N, C-alpha and C. Protein backbone atom coordinates (compact mmCIF):
# COMPACT_ATOMS: atom_id res chain seq x y z
N MET A 1 -64.53 -116.66 -54.11
CA MET A 1 -64.58 -115.85 -52.91
C MET A 1 -65.32 -114.55 -53.23
N SER A 2 -66.24 -114.18 -52.36
CA SER A 2 -67.01 -112.97 -52.63
C SER A 2 -66.29 -111.75 -52.09
N ASP A 3 -66.56 -110.63 -52.70
CA ASP A 3 -65.93 -109.37 -52.30
C ASP A 3 -66.93 -108.60 -51.44
N ALA A 4 -67.14 -109.05 -50.21
CA ALA A 4 -68.15 -108.46 -49.33
C ALA A 4 -67.73 -107.13 -48.74
N THR A 5 -66.44 -106.81 -48.80
CA THR A 5 -65.97 -105.56 -48.20
C THR A 5 -66.02 -104.39 -49.17
N ALA A 6 -66.31 -104.64 -50.43
CA ALA A 6 -66.36 -103.55 -51.41
C ALA A 6 -67.60 -102.69 -51.16
N PRO A 7 -67.44 -101.38 -51.22
CA PRO A 7 -68.60 -100.50 -51.00
C PRO A 7 -69.61 -100.63 -52.14
N ALA A 8 -70.86 -100.43 -51.81
CA ALA A 8 -71.90 -100.50 -52.82
C ALA A 8 -71.72 -99.36 -53.81
N LYS A 9 -71.86 -99.66 -55.08
CA LYS A 9 -71.68 -98.65 -56.11
C LYS A 9 -72.98 -97.89 -56.31
N ASP A 10 -72.88 -96.59 -56.24
CA ASP A 10 -74.03 -95.72 -56.48
C ASP A 10 -74.21 -95.58 -57.99
N ASP A 11 -75.46 -95.48 -58.45
CA ASP A 11 -75.72 -95.37 -59.88
C ASP A 11 -75.08 -94.12 -60.48
N ASN A 12 -75.04 -93.02 -59.73
CA ASN A 12 -74.51 -91.77 -60.24
C ASN A 12 -73.07 -91.52 -59.83
N GLU A 13 -72.42 -92.52 -59.25
CA GLU A 13 -71.07 -92.33 -58.72
C GLU A 13 -70.06 -92.03 -59.82
N ASP A 14 -70.16 -92.69 -60.95
CA ASP A 14 -69.19 -92.49 -62.01
C ASP A 14 -69.62 -91.44 -63.03
N ASP A 15 -70.72 -90.80 -62.80
CA ASP A 15 -71.21 -89.78 -63.72
C ASP A 15 -70.51 -88.45 -63.41
N GLU A 16 -69.66 -88.00 -64.33
CA GLU A 16 -68.90 -86.77 -64.11
C GLU A 16 -69.76 -85.53 -64.22
N THR A 17 -70.90 -85.61 -64.87
CA THR A 17 -71.76 -84.44 -65.06
C THR A 17 -72.93 -84.43 -64.10
N ASN A 18 -72.79 -85.08 -62.96
CA ASN A 18 -73.88 -85.15 -61.99
C ASN A 18 -74.24 -83.75 -61.49
N GLY A 19 -75.44 -83.29 -61.80
CA GLY A 19 -75.89 -81.97 -61.37
C GLY A 19 -75.56 -80.85 -62.32
N ALA A 20 -74.90 -81.13 -63.42
CA ALA A 20 -74.51 -80.07 -64.35
C ALA A 20 -75.72 -79.48 -65.06
N ASP A 21 -76.79 -80.26 -65.21
CA ASP A 21 -77.98 -79.75 -65.89
C ASP A 21 -78.65 -78.65 -65.10
N ILE A 22 -78.53 -78.67 -63.80
CA ILE A 22 -79.12 -77.60 -62.98
C ILE A 22 -78.41 -76.29 -63.26
N GLY A 23 -77.10 -76.33 -63.35
CA GLY A 23 -76.34 -75.12 -63.66
C GLY A 23 -76.66 -74.57 -65.04
N VAL A 24 -76.81 -75.44 -66.00
CA VAL A 24 -77.16 -75.01 -67.35
C VAL A 24 -78.56 -74.41 -67.35
N GLY A 25 -79.48 -75.03 -66.64
CA GLY A 25 -80.84 -74.50 -66.56
C GLY A 25 -80.89 -73.13 -65.91
N ILE A 26 -80.11 -72.95 -64.84
CA ILE A 26 -80.07 -71.65 -64.17
C ILE A 26 -79.49 -70.59 -65.10
N ALA A 27 -78.45 -70.93 -65.84
CA ALA A 27 -77.85 -69.97 -66.77
C ALA A 27 -78.83 -69.57 -67.86
N ILE A 28 -79.55 -70.54 -68.41
CA ILE A 28 -80.54 -70.24 -69.44
C ILE A 28 -81.67 -69.40 -68.87
N GLY A 29 -82.15 -69.77 -67.69
CA GLY A 29 -83.23 -69.02 -67.05
C GLY A 29 -82.82 -67.61 -66.69
N MET A 30 -81.60 -67.45 -66.20
CA MET A 30 -81.13 -66.12 -65.84
C MET A 30 -80.99 -65.24 -67.09
N SER A 31 -80.47 -65.80 -68.16
CA SER A 31 -80.36 -65.04 -69.40
C SER A 31 -81.72 -64.63 -69.93
N THR A 32 -82.67 -65.55 -69.88
CA THR A 32 -84.02 -65.24 -70.32
C THR A 32 -84.66 -64.19 -69.43
N GLY A 33 -84.47 -64.32 -68.12
CA GLY A 33 -85.02 -63.34 -67.18
C GLY A 33 -84.44 -61.96 -67.38
N VAL A 34 -83.15 -61.88 -67.65
CA VAL A 34 -82.52 -60.58 -67.90
C VAL A 34 -83.05 -59.98 -69.19
N ALA A 35 -83.21 -60.80 -70.22
CA ALA A 35 -83.72 -60.28 -71.50
C ALA A 35 -85.14 -59.76 -71.35
N ILE A 36 -86.01 -60.53 -70.71
CA ILE A 36 -87.40 -60.09 -70.53
C ILE A 36 -87.46 -58.89 -69.58
N GLY A 37 -86.67 -58.93 -68.52
CA GLY A 37 -86.66 -57.83 -67.56
C GLY A 37 -86.16 -56.53 -68.16
N THR A 38 -85.17 -56.61 -69.01
CA THR A 38 -84.67 -55.41 -69.67
C THR A 38 -85.69 -54.87 -70.67
N ALA A 39 -86.31 -55.77 -71.41
CA ALA A 39 -87.30 -55.33 -72.39
C ALA A 39 -88.53 -54.73 -71.73
N SER A 40 -88.93 -55.25 -70.59
CA SER A 40 -90.13 -54.76 -69.92
C SER A 40 -89.81 -53.72 -68.84
N ASP A 41 -88.54 -53.38 -68.69
CA ASP A 41 -88.08 -52.41 -67.69
C ASP A 41 -88.49 -52.84 -66.28
N ASN A 42 -88.42 -54.14 -66.01
CA ASN A 42 -88.74 -54.67 -64.70
C ASN A 42 -87.79 -55.82 -64.37
N LEU A 43 -86.50 -55.48 -64.34
CA LEU A 43 -85.46 -56.48 -64.12
C LEU A 43 -85.56 -57.12 -62.74
N ALA A 44 -85.98 -56.35 -61.75
CA ALA A 44 -86.07 -56.87 -60.38
C ALA A 44 -87.09 -58.00 -60.26
N LEU A 45 -88.07 -58.03 -61.12
CA LEU A 45 -89.06 -59.11 -61.11
C LEU A 45 -88.59 -60.30 -61.94
N TRP A 46 -88.13 -60.04 -63.15
CA TRP A 46 -87.88 -61.12 -64.09
C TRP A 46 -86.58 -61.87 -63.86
N LEU A 47 -85.59 -61.25 -63.23
CA LEU A 47 -84.35 -61.98 -62.97
C LEU A 47 -84.58 -63.16 -62.02
N PRO A 48 -85.20 -62.98 -60.85
CA PRO A 48 -85.44 -64.15 -59.99
C PRO A 48 -86.45 -65.14 -60.57
N VAL A 49 -87.41 -64.64 -61.33
CA VAL A 49 -88.36 -65.56 -61.98
C VAL A 49 -87.61 -66.44 -62.98
N GLY A 50 -86.72 -65.85 -63.75
CA GLY A 50 -85.93 -66.62 -64.71
C GLY A 50 -85.03 -67.64 -64.03
N VAL A 51 -84.40 -67.25 -62.92
CA VAL A 51 -83.54 -68.18 -62.19
C VAL A 51 -84.36 -69.35 -61.63
N ALA A 52 -85.53 -69.05 -61.08
CA ALA A 52 -86.38 -70.11 -60.52
C ALA A 52 -86.85 -71.07 -61.61
N LEU A 53 -87.29 -70.53 -62.73
CA LEU A 53 -87.73 -71.39 -63.83
C LEU A 53 -86.56 -72.20 -64.40
N GLY A 54 -85.39 -71.58 -64.47
CA GLY A 54 -84.21 -72.29 -64.96
C GLY A 54 -83.79 -73.41 -64.03
N ALA A 55 -83.87 -73.17 -62.72
CA ALA A 55 -83.53 -74.23 -61.75
C ALA A 55 -84.51 -75.39 -61.86
N ALA A 56 -85.78 -75.07 -62.05
CA ALA A 56 -86.79 -76.13 -62.22
C ALA A 56 -86.53 -76.91 -63.51
N LEU A 57 -86.18 -76.20 -64.57
CA LEU A 57 -85.87 -76.86 -65.84
C LEU A 57 -84.65 -77.76 -65.68
N GLY A 58 -83.61 -77.26 -65.04
CA GLY A 58 -82.40 -78.05 -64.83
C GLY A 58 -82.64 -79.27 -63.97
N ALA A 59 -83.44 -79.12 -62.92
CA ALA A 59 -83.76 -80.26 -62.06
C ALA A 59 -84.56 -81.30 -62.83
N GLY A 60 -85.46 -80.85 -63.68
CA GLY A 60 -86.24 -81.78 -64.49
C GLY A 60 -85.36 -82.53 -65.47
N LEU A 61 -84.41 -81.84 -66.07
CA LEU A 61 -83.49 -82.51 -67.00
C LEU A 61 -82.58 -83.48 -66.26
N ASN A 62 -82.17 -83.11 -65.06
CA ASN A 62 -81.30 -83.97 -64.27
C ASN A 62 -82.05 -85.23 -63.80
N ALA A 63 -83.31 -85.09 -63.47
CA ALA A 63 -84.11 -86.23 -63.00
C ALA A 63 -84.44 -87.18 -64.14
N ARG A 64 -84.47 -86.68 -65.35
CA ARG A 64 -84.81 -87.50 -66.51
C ARG A 64 -83.73 -88.55 -66.77
N GLU A 65 -82.51 -88.26 -66.42
CA GLU A 65 -81.40 -89.18 -66.69
C GLU A 65 -81.46 -90.35 -65.82
């Protein structure tokens, strides 16, 4: 007998770390942005640049899986 009523299983359904790489990337990017911004005395520029680059890095790492 087939189990036709069971919901389709998503590939990422059982992955407990789904999306965690984006958070790690943002944290790394923000830290890097703060360090560069403090050193160059332009924190207002480098903090959002670091966050954006970190989010891109995290999304790339998440897509690789």
